[in-house]
Amino acid sequence: MLRAVDAAERVRGRTSPNPWVGAVVVPPAAEGAPSAWFTGATAPPGGPHAEVTALAAAGDRARGSTLYVTLEPCAHHGRTPPCVDAVLASGATRVVVGIADPDPQVDGRGIAELRKAGVEVDVGVAADAVGDQLAPYVTQRSTGRPWVVLKLAATLDGRIAAPDGSSRWITGEEARLDAHRLRAVSDAVVVGAGTVRTDDPTLTVRLPEGDPWYRGPDEQPARVVLGDVPDGAAVAPALTLRGTPGEVLDDLGSRGMLQVLVEGGARVAHDFHAAGVVDRYVVYLAPALFGGDDARPMFTGPGGATIGDVWRGQVHSVTSLGCDIRVELAPPTALA
């Protein structure tokens, strides 16, 4: 199953509105022999799903095999035929599923149809790893809203720009490349109109060819601006939206977006944080200090009035990136 998770990770950011899924076929004579296993991952929309790709690679060796798949096989016609049909036609006798699919069109139907046809089905193998990987998909299918990542880059004293507004570059090259990889696995990058006027960003993924997350001109995330886009802005063409963070997310979710990356500025960061709609905080910290209270903070707007109102989450991971540190935080709702 973990090999299937790895296969899915390689196509992350390329499958929306479909989930990124991985599958591994283990023929009956190949137990414990990974070199004889067959792997597949979900293709871009309209292409085959992970199970179909892995089973096609196995061919006749799929008969009597065990199929490991990170997400429950679908049992309905969409852009492609049902994966359950492909599993039954292959002659696989056992299917191991990471997690059930919360999509209302599936929601246990795939598992039930496989069992009804006499296929042994086990559910929940490596469910924590699969659930973490597919959290954006599960969130969008369960709530209608995309998974929200709020990205912040600051000095150790929590400042994102000098008093004159200059901010390039607070973090080093490795941290900036990592931020581009965050863009690469997101369906949209969201900023406020103030950031567009001040920084004139392109909001594109710019990684060297050969990087696993490299994205060409036709593979870029949507660019979303909260407010008006000035004439001649580098971000154009962009989707312009207005409303509360919740209304913005409802709109993006209705467009099939699974993960959005909120990049700021400080007012937008505050509004999404205060609304309680952020699923992950990714904070890049540089070993630098402005050393005063006149530099610009990460958030602009009212915060906790007392120590009891301080937001407290959980550190999900801490990674060194050159001279910088990447801290990923989960919100309090993720602690239950």
Foldseek 3Di string as FASTA:
>chain_A
DVVQLVQLVLCFLQAFLDHKKKKKKAFPVCVVPVVLIFIAIQHHPLDDHGLLRRLVVCQLSSAQIEMEMAEQWACPDDSHHTSLVVNVVSNHQEYEYQAYQLAPRGRPVSVVVCVVVRHHYHYNVVNVSSCVRRVLNNCCRVPLFAAEEEEAEEAPVFFQFFLVRDHPDQDDDQVVLVVLLVQLNFQEEEEEQVCCVRPLDQSWRDDDPVPSSDDDPVSGHAYEYADDHDPPRNNPPHHYDYDAPVVVRNVVSVVSTRYYYYYYAQAVSQRCVVVVRHFKYKYKYAPDDPPDDSGHGRHDDDADPDPVRDFDWAFPDWDDGPRIIITMTGGNVVPD
